[in-house]
């Protein structure tokens, strides 16, 4: 399957990417290289290969949950760049 310039523009639009007109041909070539690589991967026989969750056989160590004293709001707010009414103060991001 080969990608043409119109497909590049459509994929860019759907991906919300800006591809300048002078870069469409280069992007098309990259897409075609990726598709060629995927076709090569599809040729690999994986019939007797067990699916993996991870390539590592290690399990992550977890720490035990421990109840702490809590109620240390003032100590925590000392680390805040700004605080109001005993809460972290952050810039408004939603109008």
N, C-alpha and C. Protein backbone atom coordinates (compact mmCIF):
# COMPACT_ATOMS: atom_id res chain seq x y z
N UNK A 1 0.85 -1.18 0.00
CA UNK A 1 0.00 0.00 0.00
C UNK A 1 0.89 1.24 0.00
N UNK A 2 0.70 2.08 -0.98
CA UNK A 2 1.49 3.30 -1.08
C UNK A 2 0.65 4.50 -0.66
N UNK A 3 1.31 5.43 -0.04
CA UNK A 3 0.66 6.66 0.41
C UNK A 3 0.87 7.74 -0.63
N UNK A 4 -0.18 8.49 -0.95
CA UNK A 4 -0.03 9.61 -1.87
C UNK A 4 -0.10 10.93 -1.09
N UNK A 5 0.08 12.02 -1.81
CA UNK A 5 0.11 13.34 -1.16
C UNK A 5 -1.21 13.69 -0.48
N UNK A 6 -2.31 13.31 -1.08
CA UNK A 6 -3.62 13.62 -0.49
C UNK A 6 -3.81 12.86 0.82
N UNK A 7 -3.34 11.62 0.87
CA UNK A 7 -3.44 10.84 2.11
C UNK A 7 -2.58 11.46 3.19
N UNK A 8 -1.40 11.95 2.83
CA UNK A 8 -0.54 12.63 3.80
C UNK A 8 -1.26 13.84 4.38
N UNK A 9 -1.88 14.63 3.52
CA UNK A 9 -2.60 15.82 3.99
C UNK A 9 -3.78 15.44 4.88
N UNK A 10 -4.48 14.36 4.53
CA UNK A 10 -5.62 13.93 5.33
C UNK A 10 -5.17 13.42 6.69
N UNK A 11 -4.11 12.61 6.72
CA UNK A 11 -3.59 12.10 8.00
C UNK A 11 -3.11 13.27 8.86
N UNK A 12 -2.44 14.22 8.24
CA UNK A 12 -1.97 15.40 8.99
C UNK A 12 -3.15 16.17 9.57
N UNK A 13 -4.20 16.33 8.79
CA UNK A 13 -5.39 17.03 9.28
C UNK A 13 -6.03 16.28 10.44
N UNK A 14 -6.20 14.97 10.30
CA UNK A 14 -6.82 14.18 11.35
C UNK A 14 -5.95 14.12 12.61
N UNK A 15 -4.65 14.21 12.43
CA UNK A 15 -3.72 14.17 13.57
C UNK A 15 -3.48 15.55 14.16
N UNK A 16 -4.07 16.54 13.56
CA UNK A 16 -3.87 17.93 13.99
C UNK A 16 -2.40 18.32 13.90
N UNK A 17 -1.74 17.87 12.83
CA UNK A 17 -0.35 18.22 12.57
C UNK A 17 -0.28 19.17 11.39
N UNK A 18 0.63 20.11 11.46
CA UNK A 18 0.81 21.02 10.35
C UNK A 18 1.97 20.50 9.51
N UNK A 19 1.68 20.14 8.28
CA UNK A 19 2.71 19.72 7.34
C UNK A 19 2.73 20.76 6.23
N UNK A 20 3.82 21.49 6.15
CA UNK A 20 3.95 22.52 5.11
C UNK A 20 3.96 21.87 3.74
N UNK A 21 3.51 22.60 2.73
CA UNK A 21 3.41 22.05 1.38
C UNK A 21 4.76 21.54 0.86
N UNK A 22 5.86 22.19 1.23
CA UNK A 22 7.16 21.75 0.75
C UNK A 22 7.66 20.50 1.49
N UNK A 23 6.98 20.10 2.55
CA UNK A 23 7.38 18.91 3.33
C UNK A 23 6.49 17.71 3.06
N UNK A 24 5.47 17.86 2.21
CA UNK A 24 4.52 16.76 1.95
C UNK A 24 5.23 15.58 1.31
N UNK A 25 6.09 15.84 0.33
CA UNK A 25 6.78 14.73 -0.35
C UNK A 25 7.69 13.96 0.61
N UNK A 26 8.41 14.67 1.46
CA UNK A 26 9.29 14.00 2.43
C UNK A 26 8.48 13.20 3.42
N UNK A 27 7.34 13.74 3.85
CA UNK A 27 6.47 13.03 4.78
C UNK A 27 5.89 11.78 4.13
N UNK A 28 5.54 11.90 2.85
CA UNK A 28 5.02 10.75 2.10
C UNK A 28 6.06 9.64 2.06
N UNK A 29 7.31 9.99 1.81
CA UNK A 29 8.37 8.99 1.77
C UNK A 29 8.55 8.32 3.13
N UNK A 30 8.47 9.09 4.21
CA UNK A 30 8.59 8.51 5.55
C UNK A 30 7.44 7.56 5.83
N UNK A 31 6.22 7.95 5.48
CA UNK A 31 5.06 7.07 5.66
C UNK A 31 5.26 5.77 4.89
N UNK A 32 5.73 5.87 3.67
CA UNK A 32 5.92 4.67 2.85
C UNK A 32 7.01 3.77 3.44
N UNK A 33 8.07 4.36 4.01
CA UNK A 33 9.11 3.56 4.67
C UNK A 33 8.52 2.82 5.87
N UNK A 34 7.69 3.50 6.64
CA UNK A 34 7.06 2.88 7.80
C UNK A 34 6.16 1.72 7.38
N UNK A 35 5.37 1.94 6.33
CA UNK A 35 4.49 0.88 5.86
C UNK A 35 5.28 -0.31 5.33
N UNK A 36 6.41 -0.06 4.66
CA UNK A 36 7.26 -1.14 4.18
C UNK A 36 7.80 -1.95 5.35
N UNK A 37 8.21 -1.26 6.40
CA UNK A 37 8.74 -1.94 7.59
C UNK A 37 7.64 -2.79 8.24
N UNK A 38 6.43 -2.28 8.30
CA UNK A 38 5.31 -3.04 8.88
C UNK A 38 5.03 -4.28 8.04
N UNK A 39 5.10 -4.16 6.72
CA UNK A 39 4.91 -5.32 5.86
C UNK A 39 5.99 -6.38 6.11
N UNK A 40 7.23 -5.94 6.36
CA UNK A 40 8.30 -6.88 6.69
C UNK A 40 8.01 -7.58 8.02
N UNK A 41 7.51 -6.84 8.98
CA UNK A 41 7.17 -7.45 10.27
C UNK A 41 6.05 -8.47 10.13
N UNK A 42 5.10 -8.20 9.25
CA UNK A 42 3.98 -9.13 9.06
C UNK A 42 4.44 -10.45 8.45
N UNK A 43 5.61 -10.47 7.82
CA UNK A 43 6.12 -11.70 7.22
C UNK A 43 6.74 -12.65 8.26
N UNK A 44 7.01 -12.17 9.45
CA UNK A 44 7.63 -12.98 10.49
C UNK A 44 6.61 -13.97 11.02
N UNK A 45 7.00 -15.23 11.10
CA UNK A 45 6.12 -16.28 11.61
C UNK A 45 6.11 -16.23 13.14
N UNK A 46 4.98 -15.93 13.72
CA UNK A 46 4.84 -15.86 15.17
C UNK A 46 3.81 -16.86 15.69
N UNK A 47 3.59 -17.93 14.95
CA UNK A 47 2.55 -18.90 15.33
C UNK A 47 2.81 -19.54 16.69
N UNK A 48 4.04 -19.93 16.98
CA UNK A 48 4.34 -20.64 18.22
C UNK A 48 5.03 -19.76 19.24
N UNK A 49 4.82 -18.47 19.14
CA UNK A 49 5.44 -17.53 20.07
C UNK A 49 4.39 -17.06 21.06
N UNK A 50 4.71 -17.22 22.34
CA UNK A 50 3.78 -16.81 23.38
C UNK A 50 3.79 -15.29 23.52
N UNK A 51 2.63 -14.70 23.68
CA UNK A 51 2.53 -13.25 23.84
C UNK A 51 3.15 -12.83 25.16
N UNK A 52 3.81 -11.69 25.15
CA UNK A 52 4.47 -11.17 26.35
C UNK A 52 3.76 -9.94 26.88
N UNK A 53 3.73 -9.84 28.17
CA UNK A 53 3.25 -8.60 28.80
C UNK A 53 4.43 -7.65 28.92
N UNK A 54 5.59 -8.22 29.24
CA UNK A 54 6.81 -7.44 29.39
C UNK A 54 7.99 -8.31 29.00
N UNK A 55 9.07 -7.69 28.56
CA UNK A 55 10.26 -8.45 28.22
C UNK A 55 11.07 -8.80 29.46
N UNK A 56 10.74 -8.20 30.58
CA UNK A 56 11.42 -8.46 31.84
C UNK A 56 10.62 -9.46 32.68
N UNK A 57 11.32 -10.37 33.34
CA UNK A 57 10.66 -11.32 34.23
C UNK A 57 10.63 -10.82 35.67
N UNK A 58 10.98 -9.58 35.87
CA UNK A 58 11.04 -9.03 37.21
C UNK A 58 9.68 -8.48 37.63
N UNK A 59 9.39 -8.59 38.91
CA UNK A 59 8.20 -7.94 39.42
C UNK A 59 8.63 -6.75 40.26
N UNK A 60 7.85 -5.73 40.26
CA UNK A 60 8.19 -4.52 40.98
C UNK A 60 7.96 -4.69 42.47
N UNK A 61 8.89 -4.16 43.24
CA UNK A 61 8.71 -4.19 44.68
C UNK A 61 7.73 -3.08 45.06
N UNK A 62 6.88 -3.35 45.98
CA UNK A 62 5.94 -2.34 46.45
C UNK A 62 6.19 -2.10 47.93
N UNK A 63 5.89 -0.91 48.35
CA UNK A 63 6.07 -0.60 49.77
C UNK A 63 4.76 -0.91 50.49
N UNK A 64 4.84 -1.28 51.75
CA UNK A 64 3.61 -1.55 52.49
C UNK A 64 2.88 -0.24 52.80
N UNK A 65 1.58 -0.29 52.79
CA UNK A 65 0.79 0.88 53.17
C UNK A 65 0.85 1.03 54.68
N UNK A 66 1.20 2.22 55.10
CA UNK A 66 1.28 2.49 56.53
C UNK A 66 0.50 3.76 56.85
N UNK A 67 -0.24 3.71 57.93
CA UNK A 67 -1.00 4.88 58.37
C UNK A 67 -0.03 5.82 59.07
N UNK A 68 -0.08 7.09 58.67
CA UNK A 68 0.78 8.10 59.29
C UNK A 68 -0.08 9.08 60.08
N UNK A 69 0.58 9.94 60.79
CA UNK A 69 -0.14 10.88 61.65
C UNK A 69 -1.01 11.84 60.84
N UNK A 70 -0.51 12.29 59.69
CA UNK A 70 -1.27 13.23 58.88
C UNK A 70 -1.42 14.57 59.59
N UNK A 71 -2.39 15.34 59.22
CA UNK A 71 -2.69 16.63 59.84
C UNK A 71 -1.45 17.53 59.87
N UNK A 72 -0.69 17.57 58.78
CA UNK A 72 0.50 18.41 58.73
C UNK A 72 0.39 19.40 57.57
N UNK A 73 -0.78 20.02 57.45
CA UNK A 73 -1.06 20.93 56.36
C UNK A 73 -0.07 22.09 56.32
N UNK A 74 0.24 22.67 57.45
CA UNK A 74 1.13 23.83 57.46
C UNK A 74 2.53 23.46 56.98
N UNK A 75 3.03 22.29 57.35
CA UNK A 75 4.35 21.86 56.88
C UNK A 75 4.35 21.62 55.37
N UNK A 76 3.27 21.05 54.87
CA UNK A 76 3.17 20.78 53.44
C UNK A 76 3.08 22.10 52.67
N UNK A 77 2.29 23.04 53.15
CA UNK A 77 2.12 24.32 52.45
C UNK A 77 3.38 25.17 52.47
N UNK A 78 4.33 24.86 53.33
CA UNK A 78 5.60 25.59 53.31
C UNK A 78 6.34 25.36 52.00
N UNK A 79 6.08 24.24 51.33
CA UNK A 79 6.72 23.93 50.06
C UNK A 79 6.02 24.57 48.87
N UNK A 80 4.84 25.11 49.07
CA UNK A 80 4.07 25.67 47.97
C UNK A 80 4.59 27.04 47.58
N UNK A 81 4.67 27.34 46.28
CA UNK A 81 5.08 28.68 45.87
C UNK A 81 4.03 29.73 46.27
N UNK A 82 2.77 29.31 46.34
CA UNK A 82 1.71 30.23 46.75
C UNK A 82 0.60 29.42 47.42
N UNK A 83 0.01 29.99 48.45
CA UNK A 83 -1.09 29.32 49.15
C UNK A 83 -2.14 30.34 49.53
N UNK A 84 -3.40 29.89 49.49
CA UNK A 84 -4.53 30.74 49.91
C UNK A 84 -5.51 29.87 50.67
N UNK A 85 -5.99 30.37 51.77
CA UNK A 85 -7.02 29.67 52.57
C UNK A 85 -6.60 28.23 52.90
N UNK A 86 -5.35 28.02 53.23
CA UNK A 86 -4.81 26.70 53.57
C UNK A 86 -4.87 25.70 52.42
N UNK A 87 -4.78 26.19 51.17
CA UNK A 87 -4.72 25.33 49.99
C UNK A 87 -3.63 25.83 49.06
N UNK A 88 -3.15 24.96 48.17
CA UNK A 88 -2.21 25.38 47.14
C UNK A 88 -2.92 26.36 46.22
N UNK A 89 -2.25 27.43 45.84
CA UNK A 89 -2.79 28.41 44.90
C UNK A 89 -2.08 28.22 43.56
N UNK A 90 -2.87 28.07 42.50
CA UNK A 90 -2.30 27.87 41.16
C UNK A 90 -2.92 28.89 40.21
N UNK A 91 -2.25 29.19 39.11
CA UNK A 91 -2.82 30.14 38.15
C UNK A 91 -4.10 29.59 37.53
N UNK A 92 -5.00 30.48 37.23
CA UNK A 92 -6.26 30.10 36.60
C UNK A 92 -5.97 29.66 35.16
N UNK A 93 -6.46 28.46 34.76
CA UNK A 93 -6.22 27.96 33.42
C UNK A 93 -7.50 27.83 32.61
N UNK A 94 -8.63 27.95 33.22
CA UNK A 94 -9.91 27.84 32.53
C UNK A 94 -10.65 29.15 32.68
N UNK A 95 -11.08 29.68 31.56
CA UNK A 95 -11.82 30.94 31.61
C UNK A 95 -13.29 30.69 31.89
